[in-house]
């Protein structure tokens, strides 16, 4: 039996709630083996980012080649890329290895509000990396920043921005509605065939650290398991909604805490819900 493998190319979160750490947790929770390429080290916790140390581009290349030369990677999730030379290394690596599925989460600003992508890197992200992705997953502020416009205020504006992002060269865009208002948090999957609305109840919690990372990696996990794009997105949406709903079961940090990646495997008191065989 083939083991489905997904690779995350992203930054490290020292507090464990976002980035590489969240991606690997999501991969495991969604039933795939996770590999990683680290693009940056961050000193951060639930209250913010205090320092960023970029990994040299040639070492990012070495990690990419080490993974792909040995592991049968079915899907790649890309998160924090930090700076232009790292983006160039990733572009070259994707061209060299041609993975079947690439999910790009254009991480630009952390949950705490700290900036994670240098200004001069945005143009290369749009012109070089987005065209190599099969799905990009910006939230409302990120979609606006990529297009250099104001944040969408309604469904019609979200669809227009989605179409504009498709014009950058990727076949599908998932604009996440977590920054919106109202009783539902609605994401919009936009591709050549139309727009699919994916709604879920908006959950009142401040513990949303790593939400975007976890959603995109859950999508990549579904693609690695052989799901079609819409099925992978729907199941990932269900997964992250449940992870947010269970987030307050955890007591981690004094700021915006992490979602509960392993909500399906752990009771509130920490015991496994599965009965021993």
Protein backbone atom coordinates (compact mmCIF):
# COMPACT_ATOMS: atom_id res chain seq x y z
CA UNK A 1 0.00 0.00 0.00
CA UNK A 2 1.40 3.40 -1.00
CA UNK A 3 1.86 5.93 1.77
CA UNK A 4 0.46 9.33 0.76
CA UNK A 5 3.09 12.02 1.31
CA UNK A 6 2.68 15.78 1.47
CA UNK A 7 5.46 18.35 1.71
CA UNK A 8 5.25 21.71 3.43
CA UNK A 9 7.58 24.53 2.37
CA UNK A 10 7.16 27.21 5.01
CA UNK A 11 8.53 29.01 8.04
CA UNK A 12 8.93 27.59 11.54
CA UNK A 13 6.79 28.85 14.43
CA UNK A 14 8.66 28.40 17.70
CA UNK A 15 5.38 28.31 19.66
CA UNK A 16 4.08 25.43 17.54
CA UNK A 17 0.75 26.90 16.49
CA UNK A 18 1.39 27.95 12.89
CA UNK A 19 3.85 27.41 10.06
CA UNK A 20 5.73 24.15 9.65
CA UNK A 21 4.54 22.85 13.00
CA UNK A 22 0.86 23.43 12.22
CA UNK A 23 1.28 21.93 8.76
CA UNK A 24 2.82 18.72 10.05
CA UNK A 25 0.11 18.40 12.71
CA UNK A 26 -2.57 18.89 10.05
CA UNK A 27 -0.93 16.35 7.73
CA UNK A 28 -0.85 13.78 10.53
CA UNK A 29 -4.43 14.49 11.61
CA UNK A 30 -5.60 14.15 7.98
CA UNK A 31 -3.85 10.83 7.43
CA UNK A 32 -0.77 11.63 5.37
CA UNK A 33 2.97 11.49 6.02
CA UNK A 34 4.46 14.96 6.23
CA UNK A 35 7.87 16.18 5.06
CA UNK A 36 9.16 19.73 5.43
CA UNK A 37 11.38 22.39 3.89
CA UNK A 38 12.02 25.29 6.25
CA UNK A 39 12.28 28.74 4.64
CA UNK A 40 12.64 30.86 7.77
CA UNK A 41 12.95 30.59 11.54
CA UNK A 42 10.69 32.82 13.58
CA UNK A 43 10.87 33.71 17.25
CA UNK A 44 7.19 33.96 18.07
CA UNK A 45 4.49 33.03 20.49
CA UNK A 46 0.74 33.53 20.75
CA UNK A 47 1.25 37.27 21.24
CA UNK A 48 3.47 38.07 18.26
CA UNK A 49 6.65 37.67 16.26
CA UNK A 50 9.82 39.09 17.80
CA UNK A 51 12.42 38.01 15.23
CA UNK A 52 12.75 36.38 11.80
CA UNK A 53 15.85 34.58 10.53
CA UNK A 54 15.66 33.70 6.83
CA UNK A 55 17.15 30.40 5.73
CA UNK A 56 19.69 30.89 2.90
CA UNK A 57 18.22 30.19 -0.52
CA UNK A 58 20.83 27.58 -1.38
CA UNK A 59 19.91 25.62 1.74
CA UNK A 60 16.21 25.82 0.82
CA UNK A 61 17.24 24.31 -2.54
CA UNK A 62 19.19 21.56 -0.78
CA UNK A 63 16.16 20.66 1.35
CA UNK A 64 13.84 20.56 -1.68
CA UNK A 65 16.17 18.32 -3.65
CA UNK A 66 16.79 16.03 -0.67
CA UNK A 67 13.06 15.43 -0.20
CA UNK A 68 12.05 15.01 -3.84
CA UNK A 69 15.01 12.81 -4.75
CA UNK A 70 13.86 10.19 -2.24
CA UNK A 71 10.20 10.66 -1.28
CA UNK A 72 7.22 10.25 -3.61
CA UNK A 73 5.57 13.58 -2.81
CA UNK A 74 1.96 13.78 -4.00
CA UNK A 75 1.19 17.34 -2.88
CA UNK A 76 3.08 20.46 -1.82
CA UNK A 77 1.83 23.19 0.48
CA UNK A 78 3.75 26.48 0.39
CA UNK A 79 3.41 28.98 3.21
CA UNK A 80 5.77 31.69 4.46
CA UNK A 81 8.46 32.40 1.88
CA UNK A 82 9.88 35.56 3.52
CA UNK A 83 12.10 37.00 0.79
CA UNK A 84 12.74 37.13 -2.95
CA UNK A 85 15.75 34.80 -3.22
CA UNK A 86 13.89 32.08 -1.33
CA UNK A 87 10.96 32.48 -3.71
CA UNK A 88 13.37 32.06 -6.63
CA UNK A 89 14.72 28.86 -5.09
CA UNK A 90 11.19 27.48 -4.68
CA UNK A 91 10.22 28.43 -8.25
CA UNK A 92 13.29 26.61 -9.57
CA UNK A 93 12.63 23.60 -7.34
CA UNK A 94 9.02 23.25 -8.50
CA UNK A 95 10.13 23.49 -12.12
CA UNK A 96 12.78 20.85 -11.52
CA UNK A 97 10.55 18.31 -9.76
CA UNK A 98 7.06 19.09 -11.18
CA UNK A 99 4.88 18.01 -8.23
CA UNK A 100 1.32 16.99 -9.14
CA UNK A 101 -0.41 19.33 -6.69
CA UNK A 102 0.78 22.69 -5.34
CA UNK A 103 -1.26 24.64 -2.78
CA UNK A 104 0.07 28.14 -2.12
CA UNK A 105 -1.01 29.99 1.00
CA UNK A 106 0.34 33.51 0.40
CA UNK A 107 1.27 34.23 4.01
CA UNK A 108 1.95 37.94 4.31
CA UNK A 109 0.81 38.92 7.80
CA UNK A 110 0.71 36.81 10.97
CA UNK A 111 -2.42 36.49 13.12
CA UNK A 112 -0.74 38.94 15.51
CA UNK A 113 -0.43 41.53 12.73
CA UNK A 114 3.33 41.11 12.19
CA UNK A 115 4.50 41.30 8.56
CA UNK A 116 6.02 38.05 7.25
CA UNK A 117 6.79 38.91 3.60
CA UNK A 118 9.16 41.60 2.39
CA UNK A 119 7.70 44.22 0.04
CA UNK A 120 10.12 43.45 -2.80
CA UNK A 121 9.08 39.80 -2.74
CA UNK A 122 5.40 40.40 -3.50
CA UNK A 123 5.96 41.03 -7.22
CA UNK A 124 7.92 37.80 -7.62
CA UNK A 125 5.29 35.90 -5.65
CA UNK A 126 2.64 37.13 -8.10
CA UNK A 127 4.69 36.82 -11.27
CA UNK A 128 6.66 33.64 -10.59
CA UNK A 129 5.23 31.49 -7.80
CA UNK A 130 1.47 31.91 -8.21
CA UNK A 131 1.60 30.71 -11.86
CA UNK A 132 3.18 27.43 -10.63
CA UNK A 133 0.45 26.82 -8.05
CA UNK A 134 -2.67 24.78 -8.70
CA UNK A 135 -4.61 26.50 -5.90
CA UNK A 136 -3.92 29.64 -3.88
CA UNK A 137 -5.64 30.31 -0.56
CA UNK A 138 -5.48 34.01 0.38
CA UNK A 139 -7.65 35.51 3.10
CA UNK A 140 -9.47 38.77 2.39
CA UNK A 141 -6.55 41.10 3.36
CA UNK A 142 -4.04 38.96 1.45
CA UNK A 143 -6.16 38.93 -1.70
CA UNK A 144 -6.37 42.72 -1.57
CA UNK A 145 -2.62 43.07 -0.93
CA UNK A 146 -1.76 40.80 -3.87
CA UNK A 147 -3.91 42.92 -6.16
CA UNK A 148 -2.99 46.28 -4.65
CA UNK A 149 -6.59 47.21 -3.89
CA UNK A 150 -9.00 47.64 -0.98
CA UNK A 151 -10.29 44.59 0.88
CA UNK A 152 -13.46 43.11 -0.63
CA UNK A 153 -16.63 44.14 1.23
CA UNK A 154 -19.19 41.81 -0.31
CA UNK A 155 -19.60 38.66 -2.37
CA UNK A 156 -19.51 40.46 -5.71
CA UNK A 157 -16.18 42.12 -4.86
CA UNK A 158 -14.77 38.82 -3.60
CA UNK A 159 -15.64 37.16 -6.92
CA UNK A 160 -14.08 40.03 -8.89
CA UNK A 161 -10.88 39.77 -6.88
CA UNK A 162 -10.90 36.00 -7.33
CA UNK A 163 -11.11 36.39 -11.11
CA UNK A 164 -8.28 38.93 -11.03
CA UNK A 165 -6.13 36.45 -9.08
CA UNK A 166 -6.90 33.70 -11.61
CA UNK A 167 -5.50 36.02 -14.26
CA UNK A 168 -2.11 35.75 -12.52
CA UNK A 169 -1.87 32.20 -13.83
CA UNK A 170 -3.24 29.74 -11.25
CA UNK A 171 -6.29 27.61 -12.14
CA UNK A 172 -8.12 28.02 -8.81
CA UNK A 173 -8.41 30.46 -5.91
CA UNK A 174 -9.90 29.91 -2.47
CA UNK A 175 -10.61 33.30 -0.86
CA UNK A 176 -11.12 32.72 2.84
CA UNK A 177 -13.77 34.69 4.67
CA UNK A 178 -12.49 34.45 8.22
CA UNK A 179 -11.85 38.21 8.32
CA UNK A 180 -15.43 38.95 7.30
CA UNK A 181 -18.45 39.57 9.50
CA UNK A 182 -21.78 37.89 10.05
CA UNK A 183 -23.00 34.63 11.50
CA UNK A 184 -21.21 32.53 8.88
CA UNK A 185 -17.60 32.34 7.79
CA UNK A 186 -17.81 31.79 4.04
CA UNK A 187 -14.95 30.79 1.76
CA UNK A 188 -15.18 31.12 -2.03
CA UNK A 189 -13.60 28.56 -4.35
CA UNK A 190 -13.27 30.24 -7.74
CA UNK A 191 -12.11 28.58 -10.94
CA UNK A 192 -12.94 28.53 -14.66
CA UNK A 193 -16.20 26.67 -14.02
CA UNK A 194 -17.61 29.18 -11.55
CA UNK A 195 -17.75 29.95 -7.84
CA UNK A 196 -18.51 27.54 -5.01
CA UNK A 197 -19.54 28.97 -1.63
CA UNK A 198 -18.40 27.02 1.44
CA UNK A 199 -20.07 28.32 4.57
CA UNK A 200 -19.65 27.34 8.21
CA UNK A 201 -20.84 28.92 11.47
CA UNK A 202 -18.56 31.73 12.64
CA UNK A 203 -17.05 30.60 15.96
CA UNK A 204 -16.47 33.10 18.75
CA UNK A 205 -12.91 32.45 19.95
CA UNK A 206 -9.64 34.33 19.98
CA UNK A 207 -7.74 31.06 19.55
CA UNK A 208 -7.24 31.14 15.79
CA UNK A 209 -3.43 31.10 15.55
CA UNK A 210 -2.39 29.01 12.54
CA UNK A 211 -5.86 28.74 11.00
CA UNK A 212 -4.76 29.57 7.45
CA UNK A 213 -1.70 27.32 7.62
CA UNK A 214 -3.77 24.43 8.87
CA UNK A 215 -6.51 24.83 6.26
CA UNK A 216 -4.10 24.92 3.31
CA UNK A 217 -2.14 21.93 4.62
CA UNK A 218 -5.37 19.98 5.16
CA UNK A 219 -6.27 20.69 1.52
CA UNK A 220 -2.84 19.45 0.43
CA UNK A 221 -3.36 16.33 2.53
CA UNK A 222 -6.63 15.60 0.75
CA UNK A 223 -5.00 16.05 -2.65
CA UNK A 224 -2.17 13.73 -1.57
CA UNK A 225 -4.79 11.11 -0.67
CA UNK A 226 -6.19 11.34 -4.20
CA UNK A 227 -9.24 13.56 -3.60
CA UNK A 228 -10.34 15.98 -6.31
CA UNK A 229 -9.91 19.69 -5.59
CA UNK A 230 -13.47 20.43 -4.47
CA UNK A 231 -13.63 17.39 -2.19
CA UNK A 232 -10.26 18.25 -0.66
CA UNK A 233 -11.36 21.83 -0.01
CA UNK A 234 -14.71 20.79 1.49
CA UNK A 235 -13.14 18.26 3.83
CA UNK A 236 -10.40 20.68 4.83
CA UNK A 237 -13.04 23.31 5.60
CA UNK A 238 -14.86 20.81 7.83
CA UNK A 239 -11.57 19.91 9.53
CA UNK A 240 -10.52 23.47 10.32
CA UNK A 241 -14.02 24.44 11.46
CA UNK A 242 -13.96 21.60 13.98
CA UNK A 243 -10.38 22.50 15.00
CA UNK A 244 -11.44 26.10 15.69
CA UNK A 245 -14.56 24.95 17.58
CA UNK A 246 -12.35 22.81 19.84
CA UNK A 247 -9.60 25.44 20.24
CA UNK A 248 -10.81 26.60 23.65
CA UNK A 249 -10.23 23.10 25.00
CA UNK A 250 -6.53 23.96 24.88
CA UNK A 251 -4.77 26.35 27.25
CA UNK A 252 -1.71 27.52 25.30
CA UNK A 253 -0.14 30.95 25.72
CA UNK A 254 -1.61 34.29 26.75
CA UNK A 255 -2.54 35.66 23.32
CA UNK A 256 -4.21 34.18 20.27
CA UNK A 257 -3.85 30.47 20.98
CA UNK A 258 -3.67 27.65 18.41
CA UNK A 259 -6.52 25.67 16.93
CA UNK A 260 -6.93 22.08 18.14
CA UNK A 261 -5.37 20.04 15.34
CA UNK A 262 -6.06 16.71 17.01
CA UNK A 263 -9.63 17.43 18.14
CA UNK A 264 -10.85 14.17 16.62
CA UNK A 265 -8.41 12.10 18.68
CA UNK A 266 -8.52 13.69 22.15
CA UNK A 267 -11.19 14.27 24.80
CA UNK A 268 -11.30 17.51 26.78
CA UNK A 269 -9.49 15.73 29.62
CA UNK A 270 -6.72 14.57 27.26
CA UNK A 271 -7.76 10.91 27.02
CA UNK A 272 -8.03 9.18 23.66
CA UNK A 273 -11.68 8.69 22.62
CA UNK A 274 -10.80 5.40 21.01
CA UNK A 275 -11.44 2.30 23.03
CA UNK A 276 -8.49 -0.05 23.49
CA UNK A 277 -8.57 -3.15 21.32
